[in-house]
Amino acid sequence: MGIFKKNPNEVNYVGGQKHWTDVIKNSSNGNELLWLNPEEDFNTNSTLIVAESEEALFFKDGIIEQVFEGGKYTLSTNNYPFISRIATAFSGGISAFNCKVYFVRKAHSQEILWGTDSPVQVRDPKLGIATSLQARGSYKIQIDDSKKFLVKMVGNNIQNFQQDSVTQYFRNEFSQYIKSAIAQSVKKSNEEILGICSNQVELAKSIQEELTPIMNEYGIKLITFALAAIDIPQNDPNRQKLEAAFATKGEAAIYGEDYNRFVSREILTNISNNDGAGIAAMGAGLGMGVNVGNQIAGMANQIFQTPQSQNNQATVICSKCNAQNQAGAKFCSSCGEPIQAKKLFCSNCGTELAPGSKFCSSCGNKVQ
């Protein structure tokens, strides 16, 4: 049995065998935020190379022994006493030590994409139509505290952590705060949902403020957080209703008219060829409220006023049978007798009265 215990990472060694190394450096592909060097046995006086954009952490038995920032280091017991504590062998004048070496990237990450895992259920604050929203965007991070980040990640048995894994790792916490922020923003807004895009910058800032403490717990700094889009899913059954309502509102604004008056006019245009009865009830039934319903009724009366006045033309009464006939008729339509206008006289002074008179023009007596 050898001096060192079997290392489960031996398959990652060059040639698949464990050996002592003289140079320690980050050999990852550059996409990892956290990378564990597969070799754990090193010689004293080995060279450690750390890039300016990263830090190297020596980890032994759950303890971070030393943190190295960017630079080139010679690992000797004289320079770094911690090596004496973790030394495991001495042979031929060369001592060896065993520990894990993690490299943590400190540079700003590239854009990391995110998206809501399920729609956010909301109600349009203006139109009252229930619908759902989905959101997507991106963010950038930076490892601000390498020690805190390493302890959190190693505690979850993570050895290599790529930047694309951040969204997956924080999915539930991100989703909780993002959905809540969107729902609250819609609730407080005085705009239609389809017009909420104008508030994306402010909404993104508020979400970033909510997520920053979560990231700080892991030693991560949230540099930027952006909302690329907030929209209604294509398969949402109420999407077309909202789009139609939003388009109508825009058209009303172009005309410079009040929205309710515009909608009322559109309804009356569509039903102007129908009977005017019950139009007020129809307007109210469309969910527009009492004011719009009354407005529709008033406009309807104007539309149907002309035909009603035509039906109430003046008539003349037959002096023989008292039947009503159209004005200008020469013979009674009931008895066939020539129509003679029935003369009326004042009961007080006997003056002949004009048709339709309510008071005598001579004495002022009320016509009975």
Protein backbone atom coordinates (compact mmCIF):
# COMPACT_ATOMS: atom_id res chain seq x y z
CA MET A 1 0.00 0.00 0.00
CA GLY A 2 1.44 3.44 -1.00
CA ILE A 3 1.97 6.45 1.17
CA PHE A 4 -1.05 8.31 -0.20
CA LYS A 5 -4.63 7.19 -0.18
CA LYS A 6 -6.38 6.32 -3.44
CA ASN A 7 -7.58 9.56 -5.04
CA PRO A 8 -10.97 9.25 -6.79
CA ASN A 9 -9.81 11.91 -9.24
CA GLU A 10 -6.93 9.79 -10.55
CA VAL A 11 -8.79 9.23 -13.82
CA ASN A 12 -8.25 12.95 -14.49
CA TYR A 13 -4.48 12.70 -14.13
CA VAL A 14 -2.21 12.61 -17.15
CA GLY A 15 -1.89 8.92 -18.02
CA GLY A 16 -4.49 8.07 -15.40
CA GLN A 17 -1.89 7.73 -12.63
CA LYS A 18 -1.28 9.72 -9.48
CA HIS A 19 1.93 11.73 -9.39
CA TRP A 20 3.49 14.69 -7.65
CA THR A 21 3.36 17.89 -9.66
CA ASP A 22 5.75 20.84 -9.76
CA VAL A 23 3.40 23.37 -11.41
CA ILE A 24 -0.10 24.19 -10.20
CA LYS A 25 -2.35 26.26 -12.50
CA ASN A 26 -5.89 26.51 -13.81
CA SER A 27 -6.29 24.18 -16.79
CA SER A 28 -10.05 24.52 -17.23
CA ASN A 29 -11.74 25.70 -20.42
CA GLY A 30 -12.37 29.16 -18.93
CA ASN A 31 -16.15 28.83 -18.52
CA GLU A 32 -16.00 27.63 -14.92
CA LEU A 33 -16.63 29.97 -12.02
CA LEU A 34 -15.24 27.29 -9.70
CA TRP A 35 -12.74 24.63 -10.83
CA LEU A 36 -11.09 21.88 -8.78
CA ASN A 37 -7.58 20.87 -9.82
CA PRO A 38 -7.72 17.06 -10.27
CA GLU A 39 -4.24 16.66 -8.71
CA GLU A 40 -3.98 16.76 -4.93
CA ASP A 41 -0.36 15.71 -4.23
CA PHE A 42 2.32 18.37 -4.63
CA ASN A 43 6.03 18.87 -3.99
CA THR A 44 7.38 21.66 -1.85
CA ASN A 45 8.96 24.41 -3.93
CA SER A 46 6.30 23.76 -6.56
CA THR A 47 5.23 26.78 -8.62
CA LEU A 48 1.70 28.15 -8.33
CA ILE A 49 0.45 30.32 -11.20
CA VAL A 50 -2.72 32.35 -10.62
CA ALA A 51 -4.22 34.57 -13.34
CA GLU A 52 -5.13 38.18 -12.54
CA SER A 53 -8.83 37.39 -13.02
CA GLU A 54 -8.92 34.52 -10.49
CA GLU A 55 -7.96 33.34 -7.03
CA ALA A 56 -6.55 29.99 -5.88
CA LEU A 57 -7.71 28.47 -2.59
CA PHE A 58 -5.93 25.60 -0.80
CA PHE A 59 -8.52 23.44 0.96
CA LYS A 60 -7.71 20.69 3.47
CA ASP A 61 -10.07 18.73 5.75
CA GLY A 62 -12.86 21.29 5.45
CA ILE A 63 -10.58 24.24 6.15
CA ILE A 64 -9.39 26.91 3.70
CA GLU A 65 -5.66 27.05 4.50
CA GLN A 66 -4.61 29.83 2.15
CA VAL A 67 -5.97 32.16 -0.55
CA PHE A 68 -3.71 33.29 -3.40
CA GLU A 69 -4.54 36.22 -5.64
CA GLY A 70 -3.18 36.76 -9.15
CA GLY A 71 0.57 36.14 -9.41
CA LYS A 72 3.35 33.51 -9.46
CA TYR A 73 4.32 31.79 -6.21
CA THR A 74 6.95 29.32 -5.00
CA LEU A 75 5.34 27.01 -2.45
CA SER A 76 7.89 26.40 0.30
CA THR A 77 7.55 25.89 4.02
CA ASN A 78 9.61 29.02 4.58
CA ASN A 79 7.20 31.18 2.59
CA TYR A 80 3.98 29.50 3.63
CA PRO A 81 3.95 27.77 7.04
CA PHE A 82 0.62 26.08 6.30
CA ILE A 83 2.50 23.66 4.02
CA SER A 84 4.26 22.17 7.05
CA ARG A 85 0.90 21.44 8.64
CA ILE A 86 -0.36 19.48 5.67
CA ALA A 87 2.90 17.73 4.71
CA THR A 88 2.38 14.00 4.22
CA ALA A 89 5.78 12.58 3.21
CA PHE A 90 9.48 13.33 3.05
CA SER A 91 11.80 11.46 0.68
CA GLY A 92 15.14 12.30 -0.89
CA GLY A 93 15.17 15.80 0.54
CA ILE A 94 11.80 16.60 -1.03
CA SER A 95 8.71 16.86 1.10
CA ALA A 96 5.19 16.49 -0.27
CA PHE A 97 1.81 17.76 0.78
CA ASN A 98 -1.72 16.75 -0.06
CA CYS A 99 -4.66 19.15 -0.44
CA LYS A 100 -7.32 20.32 -2.84
CA VAL A 101 -6.72 23.42 -4.91
CA TYR A 102 -9.72 25.35 -6.19
CA PHE A 103 -9.56 28.14 -8.73
CA VAL A 104 -12.31 30.78 -8.53
CA ARG A 105 -12.84 33.17 -11.43
CA LYS A 106 -13.22 36.77 -10.26
CA ALA A 107 -13.93 38.46 -13.59
CA HIS A 108 -17.40 39.62 -14.59
CA SER A 109 -19.37 36.83 -16.17
CA GLN A 110 -20.87 36.94 -19.62
CA GLU A 111 -24.63 37.47 -19.90
CA ILE A 112 -26.50 34.61 -18.24
CA LEU A 113 -29.99 34.05 -19.63
CA TRP A 114 -33.06 33.49 -17.46
CA GLY A 115 -36.78 32.99 -18.02
CA THR A 116 -39.89 32.31 -15.91
CA ASP A 117 -40.50 28.57 -15.60
CA SER A 118 -44.30 29.06 -15.68
CA PRO A 119 -46.68 31.95 -16.51
CA VAL A 120 -47.55 34.60 -13.93
CA GLN A 121 -51.33 34.85 -13.40
CA VAL A 122 -52.50 38.49 -13.41
CA ARG A 123 -55.55 40.64 -14.21
CA ASP A 124 -55.38 43.64 -16.52
CA PRO A 125 -55.84 46.68 -14.21
CA LYS A 126 -57.71 48.67 -16.86
CA LEU A 127 -59.76 46.10 -18.76
CA GLY A 128 -60.31 43.62 -15.92
CA ILE A 129 -59.41 40.66 -18.15
CA ALA A 130 -57.58 37.76 -16.44
CA THR A 131 -54.52 36.54 -18.31
CA SER A 132 -50.95 35.32 -17.78
CA LEU A 133 -47.50 36.79 -18.36
CA GLN A 134 -44.11 35.31 -19.10
CA ALA A 135 -40.78 37.10 -18.77
CA ARG A 136 -37.20 36.60 -19.86
CA GLY A 137 -33.92 38.45 -19.66
CA SER A 138 -30.29 38.20 -18.62
CA TYR A 139 -27.91 39.13 -15.81
CA LYS A 140 -24.20 39.33 -15.04
CA ILE A 141 -22.42 38.30 -11.84
CA GLN A 142 -19.02 38.41 -10.21
CA ILE A 143 -17.57 36.24 -7.44
CA ASP A 144 -17.04 38.85 -4.74
CA ASP A 145 -16.01 36.61 -1.82
CA SER A 146 -14.12 33.49 -2.93
CA LYS A 147 -14.08 31.93 0.54
CA LYS A 148 -17.81 32.26 1.06
CA PHE A 149 -18.49 31.01 -2.46
CA LEU A 150 -16.24 27.97 -2.02
CA VAL A 151 -17.70 26.98 1.36
CA LYS A 152 -21.27 27.19 0.00
CA MET A 153 -20.47 25.22 -3.14
CA VAL A 154 -18.26 22.56 -1.52
CA GLY A 155 -20.91 22.15 1.15
CA ASN A 156 -23.27 21.10 -1.64
CA ASN A 157 -20.70 18.64 -3.07
CA ILE A 158 -20.04 20.80 -6.12
CA GLN A 159 -16.53 20.58 -7.54
CA ASN A 160 -16.87 22.39 -10.85
CA PHE A 161 -19.40 25.17 -11.32
CA GLN A 162 -19.99 26.79 -14.70
CA GLN A 163 -21.64 30.18 -15.14
CA ASP A 164 -24.55 28.59 -17.02
CA SER A 165 -25.29 26.59 -13.86
CA VAL A 166 -26.10 29.72 -11.84
CA THR A 167 -29.66 30.04 -13.15
CA GLN A 168 -30.32 26.35 -12.54
CA TYR A 169 -28.86 26.50 -9.03
CA PHE A 170 -30.94 29.55 -8.04
CA ARG A 171 -34.00 28.71 -10.16
CA ASN A 172 -36.60 28.45 -7.39
CA GLU A 173 -35.45 31.53 -5.48
CA PHE A 174 -35.16 33.59 -8.66
CA SER A 175 -38.59 32.47 -9.86
CA GLN A 176 -40.26 33.33 -6.54
CA TYR A 177 -39.04 36.92 -6.46
CA ILE A 178 -39.35 37.63 -10.19
CA LYS A 179 -42.96 36.41 -10.38
CA SER A 180 -43.94 38.31 -7.25
CA ALA A 181 -42.35 41.52 -8.55
CA ILE A 182 -44.14 41.25 -11.90
CA ALA A 183 -47.52 40.57 -10.29
CA GLN A 184 -47.13 43.51 -7.88
CA SER A 185 -46.05 45.80 -10.71
CA VAL A 186 -49.14 44.95 -12.76
CA LYS A 187 -51.41 45.39 -9.73
CA LYS A 188 -50.04 48.86 -8.97
CA SER A 189 -49.95 49.98 -12.59
CA ASN A 190 -52.60 52.20 -14.14
CA GLU A 191 -51.84 50.95 -17.64
CA GLU A 192 -53.04 48.06 -19.73
CA ILE A 193 -50.83 44.96 -19.53
CA LEU A 194 -49.80 45.34 -23.16
CA GLY A 195 -48.40 48.76 -22.32
CA ILE A 196 -46.37 47.69 -19.29
CA CYS A 197 -43.17 47.41 -21.36
CA SER A 198 -42.52 51.08 -20.65
CA ASN A 199 -41.80 50.16 -17.01
CA GLN A 200 -39.31 47.35 -17.71
CA VAL A 201 -36.23 49.30 -16.58
CA GLU A 202 -37.76 50.26 -13.23
CA LEU A 203 -39.11 46.74 -12.74
CA ALA A 204 -35.69 45.21 -13.48
CA LYS A 205 -34.08 47.47 -10.86
CA SER A 206 -36.60 46.44 -8.21
CA ILE A 207 -36.02 42.74 -8.98
CA GLN A 208 -32.25 43.23 -8.78
CA GLU A 209 -32.66 44.77 -5.33
CA GLU A 210 -34.62 41.69 -4.21
CA LEU A 211 -32.10 39.19 -5.61
CA THR A 212 -28.92 40.94 -4.44
CA PRO A 213 -29.11 39.72 -0.79
CA ILE A 214 -29.67 36.14 -2.00
CA MET A 215 -26.56 36.25 -4.17
CA ASN A 216 -24.52 37.92 -1.43
CA GLU A 217 -25.15 34.91 0.82
CA TYR A 218 -23.07 32.89 -1.65
CA GLY A 219 -20.35 35.50 -2.08
CA ILE A 220 -21.76 36.50 -5.47
CA LYS A 221 -22.26 40.09 -6.59
CA LEU A 222 -25.17 40.72 -8.98
CA ILE A 223 -23.65 43.23 -11.41
CA THR A 224 -26.62 43.76 -13.73
CA PHE A 225 -30.14 42.40 -14.14
CA ALA A 226 -32.16 43.05 -17.29
CA LEU A 227 -35.70 42.35 -18.48
CA ALA A 228 -35.64 41.64 -22.20
CA ALA A 229 -39.39 41.07 -22.57
CA ILE A 230 -42.66 40.70 -20.68
CA ASP A 231 -45.44 39.31 -22.82
CA ILE A 232 -48.56 37.18 -22.92
CA PRO A 233 -48.05 33.56 -24.09
CA GLN A 234 -49.27 32.95 -27.63
CA ASN A 235 -51.56 30.15 -26.44
CA ASP A 236 -53.31 32.30 -23.82
CA PRO A 237 -57.04 32.41 -24.76
CA ASN A 238 -57.39 36.04 -23.62
CA ARG A 239 -54.45 37.37 -25.64
CA GLN A 240 -56.65 38.31 -28.62
CA LYS A 241 -59.17 40.06 -26.34
CA LEU A 242 -56.47 42.22 -24.82
CA GLU A 243 -54.88 42.99 -28.18
CA ALA A 244 -58.26 44.04 -29.63
CA ALA A 245 -59.06 46.21 -26.61
CA PHE A 246 -55.61 47.80 -26.69
CA ALA A 247 -55.95 48.54 -30.42
CA THR A 248 -59.38 50.13 -29.89
CA LYS A 249 -58.00 52.30 -27.09
CA GLY A 250 -55.21 53.45 -29.39
CA GLU A 251 -57.67 54.32 -32.15
CA ALA A 252 -59.78 56.34 -29.72
CA ALA A 253 -56.69 58.28 -28.67
CA ILE A 254 -55.98 59.12 -32.31
CA TYR A 255 -59.49 60.52 -32.71
CA GLY A 256 -58.97 62.58 -29.58
CA GLU A 257 -62.21 61.35 -28.06
CA ASP A 258 -63.07 60.01 -24.66
CA TYR A 259 -62.80 56.20 -24.67
CA ASN A 260 -66.39 55.54 -23.56
CA ARG A 261 -67.83 57.90 -26.15
CA PHE A 262 -65.77 56.22 -28.83
CA VAL A 263 -66.94 52.72 -27.88
CA SER A 264 -70.55 53.91 -27.71
CA ARG A 265 -70.35 55.35 -31.19
CA GLU A 266 -68.90 52.12 -32.57
CA ILE A 267 -71.72 50.08 -31.05
CA LEU A 268 -74.40 52.39 -32.41
CA THR A 269 -72.83 52.30 -35.85
CA ASN A 270 -73.18 48.52 -35.89
CA ILE A 271 -76.81 48.50 -34.73
CA SER A 272 -78.15 51.64 -36.40
CA ASN A 273 -80.14 49.57 -38.90
CA ASN A 274 -81.93 47.67 -36.12
CA ASP A 275 -84.85 48.58 -33.89
CA GLY A 276 -83.85 51.14 -31.28
CA ALA A 277 -85.72 49.44 -28.45
CA GLY A 278 -83.56 48.03 -25.67
CA ILE A 279 -80.28 49.62 -26.83
CA ALA A 280 -79.56 51.06 -23.40
CA ALA A 281 -79.83 47.58 -21.93
CA MET A 282 -77.56 46.25 -24.66
CA GLY A 283 -74.85 48.79 -23.82
CA ALA A 284 -75.05 47.94 -20.13
CA GLY A 285 -74.95 44.24 -20.97
CA LEU A 286 -71.62 44.73 -22.68
CA GLY A 287 -70.11 45.49 -19.30
CA MET A 288 -69.56 49.18 -19.92
CA GLY A 289 -71.37 50.52 -16.90
CA VAL A 290 -74.32 52.82 -16.27
CA ASN A 291 -72.75 55.93 -17.75
CA VAL A 292 -71.99 54.33 -21.07
CA GLY A 293 -75.38 52.60 -21.15
CA ASN A 294 -77.15 55.92 -20.63
CA GLN A 295 -74.93 57.52 -23.20
CA ILE A 296 -75.84 54.85 -25.73
CA ALA A 297 -79.53 55.36 -24.97
CA GLY A 298 -79.26 59.10 -25.56
CA MET A 299 -77.44 58.64 -28.83
CA ALA A 300 -79.94 56.01 -29.88
CA ASN A 301 -82.81 58.39 -29.33
CA GLN A 302 -81.14 60.83 -31.68
CA ILE A 303 -80.70 58.17 -34.32
CA PHE A 304 -84.29 56.97 -34.15
CA GLN A 305 -85.92 60.33 -33.54
CA THR A 306 -86.64 61.11 -37.21
CA PRO A 307 -88.62 57.98 -38.05
CA GLN A 308 -90.63 58.40 -34.84
CA SER A 309 -91.58 61.97 -35.73
CA GLN A 310 -92.72 60.79 -39.15
CA ASN A 311 -95.13 58.39 -37.48
CA ASN A 312 -96.67 61.24 -35.45
CA GLN A 313 -97.86 63.43 -38.37
CA ALA A 314 -100.90 65.80 -37.90
CA THR A 315 -104.41 64.33 -38.32
CA VAL A 316 -107.89 65.71 -38.97
CA ILE A 317 -111.09 64.44 -37.27
CA CYS A 318 -114.15 63.62 -39.33
CA SER A 319 -117.12 65.80 -38.22
CA LYS A 320 -119.54 62.96 -38.93
CA CYS A 321 -117.99 59.90 -37.28
CA ASN A 322 -115.07 61.46 -35.34
CA ALA A 323 -112.57 59.11 -37.09
CA GLN A 324 -108.95 60.33 -37.44
CA ASN A 325 -107.67 60.94 -40.96
CA GLN A 326 -104.35 62.11 -42.35
CA ALA A 327 -104.00 65.85 -42.75
CA GLY A 328 -105.14 66.95 -46.19
CA ALA A 329 -107.59 64.07 -46.68
CA LYS A 330 -110.76 65.13 -48.55
CA PHE A 331 -112.92 62.11 -47.60
CA CYS A 332 -113.16 60.17 -44.36
CA SER A 333 -111.48 56.80 -44.53
CA SER A 334 -114.17 55.38 -42.17
CA CYS A 335 -117.53 56.73 -43.34
CA GLY A 336 -116.65 58.10 -46.79
CA GLU A 337 -118.24 61.46 -46.09
CA PRO A 338 -116.46 64.62 -47.20
CA ILE A 339 -114.21 65.79 -44.45
CA GLN A 340 -115.08 69.06 -42.96
CA ALA A 341 -112.95 70.36 -40.21
CA LYS A 342 -114.92 70.41 -36.99
CA LYS A 343 -115.19 73.93 -35.74
CA LEU A 344 -114.62 74.75 -32.07
CA PHE A 345 -116.06 77.77 -30.23
CA CYS A 346 -115.24 79.34 -26.86
CA SER A 347 -117.84 78.36 -24.28
CA ASN A 348 -117.52 81.75 -22.62
CA CYS A 349 -117.61 84.31 -25.43
CA GLY A 350 -118.46 82.18 -28.48
CA THR A 351 -115.35 83.13 -30.47
CA GLU A 352 -114.27 80.49 -33.04
CA LEU A 353 -111.11 78.74 -31.90
CA ALA A 354 -108.14 77.70 -34.01
CA PRO A 355 -107.44 73.92 -34.09
CA GLY A 356 -105.35 72.85 -31.08
CA SER A 357 -106.05 75.97 -29.01
CA LYS A 358 -105.88 75.55 -25.23
CA PHE A 359 -107.11 79.06 -24.33
CA CYS A 360 -109.47 81.50 -26.06
CA SER A 361 -107.60 84.27 -27.82
CA SER A 362 -110.39 86.75 -27.04
CA CYS A 363 -111.30 86.23 -23.39
CA GLY A 364 -108.55 83.87 -22.18
CA ASN A 365 -111.01 81.20 -21.12
CA LYS A 366 -109.53 77.70 -20.87
CA VAL A 367 -110.77 75.44 -23.66
CA GLN A 368 -112.68 72.45 -22.24
